[in-house]
Amino acid sequence: MRVIVSAVSGVPLYEQIVEQVRQQIMAGELAAGTALPSLRVLASELRISLITTTRAYNDLAAEGLIVNVPGKGSFVAQLDPDEARRGALERAREGLRQVVARTRHTGLVSLDELTEMIAEEWER
């Protein structure tokens, strides 16, 4: 498992971990049953708090991406591809809801401008 975090990115550290592990699981880089580093090992390697790694693993478990087994560790869950796709689409939709709400309330961005911004981001 590869995880790189940045304290200056503006994104909470636990969210950076969740996103990177999620991407590796969805891309098949981390197969079902793969053992993840222990919370303490990951915290030590990334030089972050144990609370941060615990939050990340708990969020991944809540999404059904990993399974935390008391006394054994954390493992990549067996995923149903359709369910994983639905979850990814729902996360994307929720992100879009937040963007639309922020831009709509400011009145600074039209729907056409927002659509153009999304297209630009898609191409990156």
Protein backbone atom coordinates (compact mmCIF):
# COMPACT_ATOMS: atom_id res chain seq x y z
CA MET A 1 0.00 0.00 0.00
CA ARG A 2 1.37 3.37 -1.02
CA VAL A 3 0.20 6.48 0.83
CA ILE A 4 1.70 9.94 0.69
CA VAL A 5 0.22 12.73 2.77
CA SER A 6 0.78 16.46 2.75
CA ALA A 7 0.17 18.66 5.77
CA VAL A 8 -0.10 21.73 3.52
CA SER A 9 -2.57 20.44 0.93
CA GLY A 10 -5.64 21.81 2.70
CA VAL A 11 -7.22 18.34 2.71
CA PRO A 12 -7.38 16.64 6.12
CA LEU A 13 -4.77 13.91 6.48
CA TYR A 14 -7.31 11.17 7.15
CA GLU A 15 -9.17 12.11 3.94
CA GLN A 16 -5.92 11.89 1.97
CA ILE A 17 -5.36 8.37 3.32
CA VAL A 18 -8.96 7.32 2.60
CA GLU A 19 -8.85 8.61 -0.96
CA GLN A 20 -5.53 6.97 -1.81
CA VAL A 21 -6.46 3.61 -0.31
CA ARG A 22 -9.90 3.78 -1.97
CA GLN A 23 -8.26 4.41 -5.35
CA GLN A 24 -5.85 1.51 -4.90
CA ILE A 25 -8.68 -0.85 -3.94
CA MET A 26 -10.93 0.27 -6.81
CA ALA A 27 -8.05 -0.05 -9.30
CA GLY A 28 -7.36 -3.60 -8.10
CA GLU A 29 -3.92 -2.68 -6.78
CA LEU A 30 -5.01 -3.91 -3.35
CA ALA A 31 -6.79 -7.25 -3.75
CA ALA A 32 -9.49 -8.63 -1.48
CA GLY A 33 -7.95 -10.15 1.63
CA THR A 34 -4.79 -8.06 1.46
CA ALA A 35 -3.59 -7.12 4.93
CA LEU A 36 -3.15 -3.38 5.48
CA PRO A 37 -0.42 -1.96 7.69
CA SER A 38 -1.43 -1.77 11.34
CA LEU A 39 -2.71 1.57 12.57
CA ARG A 40 0.48 2.14 14.55
CA VAL A 41 2.79 1.17 11.69
CA LEU A 42 0.97 3.46 9.24
CA ALA A 43 0.96 6.33 11.75
CA SER A 44 4.68 5.85 12.31
CA GLU A 45 5.52 5.60 8.60
CA LEU A 46 3.52 8.73 7.76
CA ARG A 47 4.61 10.54 10.94
CA ILE A 48 1.04 11.34 11.90
CA SER A 49 -1.13 10.59 14.91
CA LEU A 50 -2.70 7.24 15.65
CA ILE A 51 -6.06 9.03 15.85
CA THR A 52 -5.69 10.10 12.20
CA THR A 53 -4.98 6.59 10.94
CA THR A 54 -7.80 5.20 13.07
CA ARG A 55 -10.23 7.71 11.55
CA ALA A 56 -9.10 6.80 8.03
CA TYR A 57 -9.47 3.05 8.60
CA ASN A 58 -12.85 3.51 10.28
CA ASP A 59 -14.08 5.59 7.32
CA LEU A 60 -12.85 2.93 4.88
CA ALA A 61 -14.61 0.25 6.94
CA ALA A 62 -17.83 2.30 6.99
CA GLU A 63 -17.68 2.40 3.17
CA GLY A 64 -17.28 -1.37 3.12
CA LEU A 65 -13.85 -1.18 1.52
CA ILE A 66 -11.93 -2.75 4.39
CA VAL A 67 -12.73 -5.02 7.30
CA ASN A 68 -11.24 -4.40 10.74
CA VAL A 69 -10.74 -7.71 12.56
CA PRO A 70 -10.06 -7.25 16.29
CA GLY A 71 -6.72 -8.77 17.24
CA LYS A 72 -5.86 -9.54 13.60
CA GLY A 73 -5.71 -6.22 11.76
CA SER A 74 -7.38 -4.60 8.78
CA PHE A 75 -7.94 -6.29 5.44
CA VAL A 76 -9.28 -5.29 2.03
CA ALA A 77 -12.91 -6.40 1.82
CA GLN A 78 -14.38 -8.57 -0.91
CA LEU A 79 -16.19 -6.04 -3.09
CA ASP A 80 -19.31 -6.43 -5.17
CA PRO A 81 -18.37 -4.47 -8.34
CA ASP A 82 -21.90 -3.12 -8.78
CA GLU A 83 -22.08 -1.96 -5.17
CA ALA A 84 -18.62 -0.38 -5.42
CA ARG A 85 -19.71 1.51 -8.54
CA ARG A 86 -22.90 2.72 -6.83
CA GLY A 87 -20.86 3.95 -3.87
CA ALA A 88 -18.41 5.77 -6.13
CA LEU A 89 -21.26 7.41 -8.04
CA GLU A 90 -22.94 8.49 -4.80
CA ARG A 91 -19.70 10.04 -3.52
CA ALA A 92 -19.31 11.88 -6.83
CA ARG A 93 -22.92 13.07 -6.70
CA GLU A 94 -22.47 14.31 -3.12
CA GLY A 95 -19.35 16.21 -4.14
CA LEU A 96 -21.25 17.77 -7.03
CA ARG A 97 -24.12 18.73 -4.71
CA GLN A 98 -21.68 20.59 -2.50
CA VAL A 99 -20.06 22.39 -5.43
CA VAL A 100 -23.42 23.37 -6.91
CA ALA A 101 -24.68 24.62 -3.55
CA ARG A 102 -21.56 26.73 -2.99
CA THR A 103 -21.56 28.24 -6.46
CA ARG A 104 -25.32 28.79 -6.66
CA HIS A 105 -25.40 30.75 -3.41
CA THR A 106 -22.55 33.04 -4.43
CA GLY A 107 -24.13 33.93 -7.76
CA LEU A 108 -20.61 34.33 -9.16
CA VAL A 109 -20.72 31.32 -11.46
CA SER A 110 -23.33 30.45 -14.07
CA LEU A 111 -24.30 26.88 -14.95
CA ASP A 112 -22.38 27.21 -18.22
CA GLU A 113 -19.28 28.41 -16.37
CA LEU A 114 -19.58 25.61 -13.84
CA THR A 115 -19.99 23.04 -16.63
CA GLU A 116 -16.88 24.43 -18.32
CA MET A 117 -14.94 24.22 -15.05
CA ILE A 118 -15.98 20.60 -14.57
CA ALA A 119 -14.94 19.77 -18.15
CA GLU A 120 -11.55 21.39 -17.56
CA GLU A 121 -11.03 19.38 -14.37
CA TRP A 122 -12.07 16.19 -16.15
CA GLU A 123 -9.36 16.75 -18.76
CA ARG A 124 -6.60 17.14 -16.16
